[in-house]
N, C-alpha and C. Protein backbone atom coordinates (compact mmCIF):
# COMPACT_ATOMS: atom_id res chain seq x y z
N MET A 1 4.97 32.18 3.58
CA MET A 1 4.55 31.93 2.35
C MET A 1 3.61 32.96 2.07
N ALA A 2 3.93 34.18 0.37
CA ALA A 2 3.38 34.60 -0.14
C ALA A 2 2.43 33.89 -0.89
N LEU A 3 0.59 34.73 -0.68
CA LEU A 3 -0.11 34.07 -2.11
C LEU A 3 0.48 34.43 -3.63
N ALA A 4 0.59 32.91 -4.15
CA ALA A 4 0.80 32.66 -5.51
C ALA A 4 0.13 33.83 -6.33
N ASN A 5 0.71 34.79 -7.13
CA ASN A 5 0.22 35.44 -8.03
C ASN A 5 -0.96 35.99 -7.03
N GLY A 6 -0.58 36.48 -6.04
CA GLY A 6 -1.36 37.52 -5.29
C GLY A 6 -2.58 36.90 -5.04
N GLY A 7 -3.21 36.00 -5.09
CA GLY A 7 -4.29 35.39 -4.82
C GLY A 7 -5.02 35.19 -5.81
N ALA A 8 -5.15 35.84 -7.32
CA ALA A 8 -5.30 35.19 -8.36
C ALA A 8 -5.00 33.51 -9.01
N GLY A 9 -6.58 33.23 -9.59
CA GLY A 9 -6.20 32.12 -9.82
C GLY A 9 -6.95 30.78 -8.65
N ARG A 10 -6.70 30.10 -8.69
CA ARG A 10 -6.72 28.83 -7.60
C ARG A 10 -5.97 28.37 -7.31
N PRO A 11 -6.52 28.16 -5.98
CA PRO A 11 -5.19 27.58 -5.15
C PRO A 11 -4.38 26.29 -5.87
N LYS A 12 -3.72 26.05 -5.83
CA LYS A 12 -2.33 24.67 -6.32
C LYS A 12 -2.27 23.89 -5.13
N THR A 13 -2.38 24.44 -3.79
CA THR A 13 -2.12 23.54 -2.71
C THR A 13 -2.88 23.95 -1.06
N LEU A 14 -3.03 22.68 -0.61
CA LEU A 14 -3.74 22.97 0.56
C LEU A 14 -2.64 24.25 1.76
N ALA A 15 -2.06 24.21 1.51
CA ALA A 15 -1.14 25.35 2.41
C ALA A 15 -1.46 26.98 1.80
N GLU A 16 -2.41 27.07 0.33
CA GLU A 16 -3.05 28.17 0.04
C GLU A 16 -4.12 28.37 0.06
N VAL A 17 -4.30 27.23 -0.10
CA VAL A 17 -6.11 27.71 0.67
C VAL A 17 -6.31 27.98 2.37
N SER A 18 -5.31 27.98 3.22
CA SER A 18 -5.45 28.24 4.51
C SER A 18 -4.79 29.53 4.19
N LEU A 19 -3.77 30.03 3.39
CA LEU A 19 -3.59 31.24 3.30
C LEU A 19 -4.52 32.27 2.93
N ARG A 20 -5.39 31.97 1.73
CA ARG A 20 -5.89 32.96 1.05
C ARG A 20 -7.34 33.05 2.43
N VAL A 21 -7.55 31.91 3.15
CA VAL A 21 -8.34 32.17 4.14
C VAL A 21 -8.17 33.04 5.44
N ARG A 22 -6.95 33.01 5.55
CA ARG A 22 -6.51 33.74 6.57
C ARG A 22 -6.47 35.46 6.04
N ALA A 23 -6.19 35.57 5.19
CA ALA A 23 -5.90 36.60 4.20
C ALA A 23 -7.63 37.47 4.14
N GLY A 24 -8.35 36.52 4.47
CA GLY A 24 -10.00 37.11 3.60
C GLY A 24 -9.83 37.60 2.42
N VAL A 25 -8.97 36.24 1.49
CA VAL A 25 -9.94 37.05 -0.17
C VAL A 25 -10.28 35.63 -0.24
N ALA A 26 -10.83 34.64 0.37
CA ALA A 26 -11.65 33.53 0.06
C ALA A 26 -12.32 33.00 1.13
N SER A 27 -13.60 32.58 1.40
CA SER A 27 -14.00 31.77 2.81
C SER A 27 -13.66 29.95 2.20
N PHE A 28 -13.54 29.65 3.10
CA PHE A 28 -12.76 28.31 3.45
C PHE A 28 -14.06 27.02 2.21
N ASP A 29 -14.48 27.16 2.22
CA ASP A 29 -14.92 26.31 1.10
C ASP A 29 -15.35 26.11 -0.58
N PRO A 30 -15.46 27.66 -0.40
CA PRO A 30 -14.94 27.57 -1.95
C PRO A 30 -13.57 27.93 -2.45
N ALA A 31 -12.68 27.90 -1.67
CA ALA A 31 -11.65 28.10 -1.37
C ALA A 31 -11.08 26.51 -2.06
N LEU A 32 -11.67 25.51 -0.95
CA LEU A 32 -11.36 24.16 -0.91
C LEU A 32 -12.04 23.71 -2.69
N ARG A 33 -13.12 24.20 -2.46
CA ARG A 33 -13.53 23.56 -3.56
C ARG A 33 -12.68 23.80 -5.29
N GLU A 34 -12.03 25.17 -5.26
CA GLU A 34 -11.18 25.29 -5.90
C GLU A 34 -10.01 24.48 -6.13
N PHE A 35 -9.01 24.62 -5.35
CA PHE A 35 -8.27 23.50 -4.89
C PHE A 35 -8.53 22.14 -5.07
N LEU A 36 -9.58 21.28 -4.80
CA LEU A 36 -9.91 20.58 -5.80
C LEU A 36 -10.16 20.37 -7.45
N ASP A 37 -10.17 21.47 -7.69
CA ASP A 37 -10.81 21.09 -9.33
C ASP A 37 -9.30 21.33 -9.74
N GLU A 38 -8.19 22.40 -8.76
CA GLU A 38 -7.15 21.92 -9.10
C GLU A 38 -5.99 21.14 -9.17
N PHE A 39 -6.71 20.02 -8.55
CA PHE A 39 -6.31 18.80 -7.74
C PHE A 39 -6.49 18.01 -8.60
N TYR A 40 -7.62 17.79 -9.26
CA TYR A 40 -7.89 16.79 -9.79
C TYR A 40 -7.23 16.88 -11.21
N GLY A 41 -7.68 18.00 -11.42
CA GLY A 41 -7.31 18.27 -12.90
C GLY A 41 -5.53 18.55 -13.28
N HIS A 42 -4.73 18.55 -12.65
CA HIS A 42 -3.46 18.38 -12.63
C HIS A 42 -2.84 16.95 -11.96
N PRO A 43 -3.03 15.71 -12.43
CA PRO A 43 -1.84 14.84 -11.51
C PRO A 43 -0.86 14.70 -11.50
N ASN A 44 -0.07 15.62 -12.12
CA ASN A 44 1.68 15.56 -11.98
C ASN A 44 1.60 16.52 -10.67
N ARG A 45 0.79 17.32 -10.15
CA ARG A 45 1.13 18.15 -8.97
C ARG A 45 0.39 17.84 -7.99
N ARG A 46 0.02 16.35 -8.19
CA ARG A 46 -0.72 16.19 -6.97
C ARG A 46 -0.10 15.65 -5.59
N GLN A 47 1.28 15.22 -5.71
CA GLN A 47 1.75 15.25 -4.73
C GLN A 47 2.84 16.78 -3.69
N VAL A 48 3.00 17.42 -4.52
CA VAL A 48 3.43 18.84 -3.98
C VAL A 48 1.70 19.50 -3.97
N ALA A 49 0.96 18.76 -3.84
CA ALA A 49 -0.26 20.19 -3.44
C ALA A 49 -0.56 19.74 -1.97
N LEU A 50 -0.36 18.53 -1.94
CA LEU A 50 -0.64 18.03 -0.20
C LEU A 50 0.53 18.36 0.35
N ALA A 51 1.55 18.25 0.30
CA ALA A 51 2.96 18.19 1.02
C ALA A 51 3.15 19.74 1.81
N GLU A 52 3.19 20.92 1.71
CA GLU A 52 3.38 21.98 2.39
C GLU A 52 2.13 22.17 3.74
N GLU A 53 2.40 21.96 4.58
CA GLU A 53 1.21 21.78 6.28
C GLU A 53 0.98 23.53 5.91
N PRO A 54 -0.81 23.32 5.93
CA PRO A 54 -1.49 24.61 5.73
C PRO A 54 -1.02 25.51 7.08
N ALA A 55 -1.28 26.65 6.95
CA ALA A 55 -1.41 27.44 8.35
C ALA A 55 -2.35 27.46 8.92
N PRO A 56 -2.12 27.70 10.41
CA PRO A 56 -3.60 27.52 11.45
C PRO A 56 -4.81 28.60 10.72
N LEU A 57 -5.84 28.02 11.16
CA LEU A 57 -7.48 28.46 10.79
C LEU A 57 -7.98 28.28 12.05
N ASP A 58 -8.65 27.30 12.00
CA ASP A 58 -9.35 26.72 13.83
C ASP A 58 -9.47 25.32 13.34
N ALA A 59 -10.18 25.15 14.79
CA ALA A 59 -9.66 23.82 15.02
C ALA A 59 -10.54 22.44 14.00
N VAL A 60 -11.47 22.82 13.61
CA VAL A 60 -12.58 21.80 12.68
C VAL A 60 -11.92 21.83 11.46
N LYS A 61 -11.30 23.50 10.95
CA LYS A 61 -10.90 24.04 9.42
C LYS A 61 -9.38 22.91 9.71
N ASP A 62 -9.02 23.26 10.33
CA ASP A 62 -7.64 22.19 10.30
C ASP A 62 -7.38 20.69 10.40
N ALA A 63 -8.29 20.56 11.33
CA ALA A 63 -8.60 19.19 10.95
C ALA A 63 -9.46 18.44 9.84
N TYR A 64 -9.93 19.47 9.16
CA TYR A 64 -10.84 19.09 7.73
C TYR A 64 -9.42 18.95 6.73
N LEU A 65 -8.99 20.39 6.81
CA LEU A 65 -7.56 20.08 5.56
C LEU A 65 -6.61 18.66 5.83
N ALA A 66 -6.12 18.16 6.84
CA ALA A 66 -5.69 16.99 7.11
C ALA A 66 -6.46 15.87 6.87
N ALA A 67 -7.35 15.86 7.23
CA ALA A 67 -8.55 14.64 6.44
C ALA A 67 -8.81 15.14 4.66
N THR A 68 -8.39 16.12 4.49
CA THR A 68 -8.73 16.04 2.63
C THR A 68 -7.73 15.66 2.18
N ALA A 69 -6.43 15.98 2.87
CA ALA A 69 -5.11 15.69 2.15
C ALA A 69 -4.80 14.24 2.43
N GLU A 70 -4.96 13.36 4.07
CA GLU A 70 -5.33 11.95 4.29
C GLU A 70 -5.95 11.39 3.30
N HIS A 71 -6.86 11.34 2.91
CA HIS A 71 -8.26 11.41 1.67
C HIS A 71 -7.44 11.00 0.62
N LEU A 72 -7.08 12.63 0.08
CA LEU A 72 -6.22 12.04 -1.53
C LEU A 72 -5.47 11.60 -1.63
N SER A 73 -4.34 11.38 -0.67
CA SER A 73 -3.53 10.33 -0.70
C SER A 73 -3.62 9.22 -0.66
N GLU A 74 -4.64 8.56 -0.22
CA GLU A 74 -4.76 7.36 -0.43
C GLU A 74 -5.94 7.00 -1.04
N SER A 75 -6.22 8.04 -1.76
CA SER A 75 -7.33 7.80 -3.23
C SER A 75 -6.38 7.18 -4.49
N PHE A 76 -5.46 8.47 -4.17
CA PHE A 76 -4.56 8.19 -5.32
C PHE A 76 -3.34 8.00 -4.94
N GLY A 77 -3.05 7.25 -4.14
CA GLY A 77 -1.97 6.27 -4.15
C GLY A 77 -0.74 6.84 -3.70
N LEU A 78 -0.93 8.33 -2.89
CA LEU A 78 0.39 8.84 -2.58
C LEU A 78 0.52 8.93 -2.01
N ASP A 79 1.93 9.51 -0.86
CA ASP A 79 2.13 9.47 0.76
C ASP A 79 1.65 10.71 1.14
N ALA A 80 0.68 10.06 2.07
CA ALA A 80 0.33 10.78 3.28
C ALA A 80 1.36 11.95 3.76
N PRO A 81 1.29 13.48 3.92
CA PRO A 81 2.50 14.75 4.69
C PRO A 81 1.97 13.57 5.96
N ALA A 82 3.65 14.08 6.53
CA ALA A 82 3.51 13.78 7.78
C ALA A 82 2.61 14.94 8.50
N TRP A 83 2.30 15.57 8.17
CA TRP A 83 2.28 17.35 9.03
C TRP A 83 0.43 16.55 9.38
N VAL A 84 -0.23 15.56 8.84
CA VAL A 84 -1.62 15.11 8.74
C VAL A 84 -1.79 14.48 10.06
N GLU A 85 -0.76 14.03 10.52
CA GLU A 85 -0.41 13.00 12.40
C GLU A 85 -0.64 14.66 13.03
N GLY A 86 -0.40 15.91 13.11
CA GLY A 86 -0.55 16.63 14.27
C GLY A 86 -1.53 16.93 14.97
N PRO A 87 -1.35 16.73 16.19
CA PRO A 87 -2.28 17.18 17.44
C PRO A 87 -3.34 18.19 16.54
N SER A 88 -2.83 18.80 16.54
CA SER A 88 -4.11 19.92 16.10
C SER A 88 -4.53 19.71 14.87
N ARG A 89 -4.18 18.62 14.31
CA ARG A 89 -4.94 18.50 13.27
C ARG A 89 -6.16 17.33 13.46
N MET A 90 -6.86 16.68 14.52
CA MET A 90 -7.36 15.97 15.25
C MET A 90 -8.43 16.91 15.95
N LEU A 91 -9.42 16.49 15.85
CA LEU A 91 -11.00 16.84 16.85
C LEU A 91 -11.19 16.34 18.14
N HIS A 92 -11.35 16.82 19.24
CA HIS A 92 -11.80 16.19 19.88
C HIS A 92 -13.32 15.84 20.44
N LYS A 93 -14.43 16.63 19.75
CA LYS A 93 -15.53 16.78 19.44
C LYS A 93 -16.19 16.61 18.29
N PRO A 94 -16.94 16.11 18.35
CA PRO A 94 -17.53 15.30 16.70
C PRO A 94 -17.86 17.06 16.06
N PHE A 95 -17.73 16.76 14.83
CA PHE A 95 -18.29 17.71 13.71
C PHE A 95 -19.10 17.43 12.92
N PHE A 96 -20.30 18.14 12.53
CA PHE A 96 -21.29 17.07 11.23
C PHE A 96 -21.64 18.24 10.35
N ALA A 97 -20.95 17.89 9.28
CA ALA A 97 -21.19 19.46 8.35
C ALA A 97 -23.16 18.97 7.83
N GLY A 98 -23.20 20.34 7.62
CA GLY A 98 -24.43 20.50 7.42
C GLY A 98 -25.53 21.16 8.46
N GLY A 99 -25.00 20.77 9.95
CA GLY A 99 -25.41 20.86 11.30
C GLY A 99 -27.14 20.29 11.58
N LEU A 100 -27.39 19.26 10.65
CA LEU A 100 -28.68 19.36 10.52
C LEU A 100 -29.12 17.53 11.37
N ASP A 101 -29.74 17.58 12.54
CA ASP A 101 -29.28 16.57 13.10
C ASP A 101 -29.72 15.26 12.28
N ALA A 102 -30.62 15.11 11.77
CA ALA A 102 -31.61 14.74 10.97
C ALA A 102 -30.10 14.04 10.11
N LEU A 103 -29.91 14.26 9.50
CA LEU A 103 -28.58 13.61 9.08
C LEU A 103 -27.53 12.98 9.60
N ARG A 104 -27.28 13.04 10.67
CA ARG A 104 -26.18 12.75 11.62
C ARG A 104 -25.75 10.77 11.14
N SER A 105 -26.56 10.25 11.09
CA SER A 105 -26.94 8.77 10.79
C SER A 105 -26.13 8.48 10.16
N THR A 106 -26.47 9.50 8.49
CA THR A 106 -26.37 9.21 6.95
C THR A 106 -24.66 9.57 6.98
N LEU A 107 -24.50 11.06 7.76
CA LEU A 107 -23.15 11.20 7.77
C LEU A 107 -22.31 10.39 8.53
N ILE A 108 -22.16 9.55 9.84
CA ILE A 108 -21.31 8.70 10.35
C ILE A 108 -21.14 7.46 9.46
N VAL A 109 -22.94 7.35 8.63
CA VAL A 109 -21.51 5.94 7.70
C VAL A 109 -21.06 6.32 6.81
N GLU A 110 -21.66 7.36 6.09
CA GLU A 110 -20.99 7.90 4.74
C GLU A 110 -19.45 8.66 4.71
N SER A 111 -18.75 8.96 5.76
CA SER A 111 -17.62 9.83 6.07
C SER A 111 -16.46 8.53 5.53
N PRO A 112 -15.73 9.27 4.94
CA PRO A 112 -14.42 8.60 4.67
C PRO A 112 -13.37 8.56 6.08
N ALA A 113 -13.00 7.42 6.10
CA ALA A 113 -11.95 6.72 7.19
C ALA A 113 -11.49 8.24 7.76
N ALA A 114 -10.46 8.81 6.44
CA ALA A 114 -10.00 10.07 6.83
C ALA A 114 -10.31 10.74 8.18
N PHE A 115 -11.66 11.04 7.54
CA PHE A 115 -12.68 12.15 8.21
C PHE A 115 -12.94 11.56 9.46
N ARG A 116 -13.60 10.19 9.71
CA ARG A 116 -14.06 9.76 10.78
C ARG A 116 -13.44 10.17 12.01
N ARG A 117 -11.78 8.96 11.61
CA ARG A 117 -10.65 9.18 12.54
C ARG A 117 -10.69 10.52 13.10
N ARG A 118 -10.71 11.79 12.59
CA ARG A 118 -10.95 13.25 12.78
C ARG A 118 -12.13 13.84 13.81
N LEU A 119 -13.50 13.12 13.71
CA LEU A 119 -14.69 12.95 14.33
C LEU A 119 -15.24 14.69 13.50
N ILE A 120 -15.08 14.25 11.84
CA ILE A 120 -15.48 15.20 11.22
C ILE A 120 -16.23 14.07 9.97
N PHE A 121 -17.52 14.54 10.49
CA PHE A 121 -18.71 13.71 9.71
C PHE A 121 -19.16 14.45 8.59
N ILE A 122 -18.80 13.99 7.08
CA ILE A 122 -19.10 14.49 5.86
C ILE A 122 -19.89 13.10 4.84
N SER A 123 -21.07 13.63 4.41
CA SER A 123 -20.96 13.16 3.05
C SER A 123 -20.08 12.53 1.97
N ALA A 124 -20.64 11.41 1.82
CA ALA A 124 -19.76 10.83 0.68
C ALA A 124 -19.02 11.20 -0.33
N ASP A 125 -20.10 12.35 -0.91
CA ASP A 125 -18.94 13.20 -1.85
C ASP A 125 -18.96 14.56 -1.40
N ALA A 126 -18.25 14.48 -0.55
CA ALA A 126 -18.36 15.96 -0.10
C ALA A 126 -16.90 16.49 -0.75
N LEU A 127 -15.86 15.69 -1.11
CA LEU A 127 -14.93 16.44 -2.48
C LEU A 127 -15.34 15.62 -3.74
N PHE A 128 -16.28 15.59 -4.06
CA PHE A 128 -16.39 15.47 -5.57
C PHE A 128 -16.84 16.56 -6.50
N ARG A 129 -16.03 16.76 -7.37
CA ARG A 129 -15.76 17.94 -8.28
C ARG A 129 -16.19 17.11 -9.92
N PRO A 130 -16.37 18.35 -10.69
CA PRO A 130 -16.78 16.87 -11.84
C PRO A 130 -15.41 16.93 -12.70
N ARG A 131 -14.28 17.36 -12.13
CA ARG A 131 -12.37 17.08 -12.69
C ARG A 131 -12.59 16.03 -11.87
N ALA A 132 -12.88 15.17 -11.02
CA ALA A 132 -12.61 14.08 -10.00
C ALA A 132 -12.14 13.10 -11.12
N LYS A 133 -12.76 12.89 -11.96
CA LYS A 133 -12.44 11.59 -12.69
C LYS A 133 -11.72 11.86 -14.44
N ALA A 134 -11.36 13.36 -14.37
CA ALA A 134 -10.47 14.07 -15.71
C ALA A 134 -8.91 13.51 -15.40
N ASN A 135 -8.54 13.16 -16.27
CA ASN A 135 -6.95 12.49 -16.28
C ASN A 135 -6.75 11.72 -14.90
N PRO A 136 -7.08 10.39 -15.04
CA PRO A 136 -6.84 9.44 -14.02
C PRO A 136 -5.41 9.60 -13.90
N LYS A 137 -4.52 9.35 -14.99
CA LYS A 137 -3.38 8.68 -14.60
C LYS A 137 -2.75 10.39 -14.53
N PRO A 138 -1.16 9.93 -14.00
CA PRO A 138 -0.19 10.83 -13.63
C PRO A 138 0.27 11.84 -15.24
N VAL A 139 0.48 12.63 -15.62
CA VAL A 139 1.14 13.33 -16.65
C VAL A 139 2.57 13.35 -16.11
N VAL A 140 2.92 12.38 -17.24
CA VAL A 140 4.71 12.33 -17.28
C VAL A 140 5.41 13.50 -18.03
């Protein structure tokens, strides 16, 4: 898959996030935040935004994208794509966001289930964006 619009604009799918990162067009965190803005702002495109499997990046990012897709699916009543269950989408050793040992217990408690089951521990608001509450119902 080629980058939509040559990589201009926000990524509209998780697959596009991975392609931008692989191509060196964007770093992972900013690309994911831009995707989340797009996802939250366009309810009618949410299922499509998660459907295509992202290209491989590294173990943590691959699992993180799957956890994101699963969590967003659960949060918005969407069907989780089958690719989120792939073996390359699970970690074998824990990853703690932020890298501070002092936060580990907090991250374990706060981390959403889709992340915890992949041994990724993040804050409860890691996927928050200001647009998250905009347009709560799909546009028909």
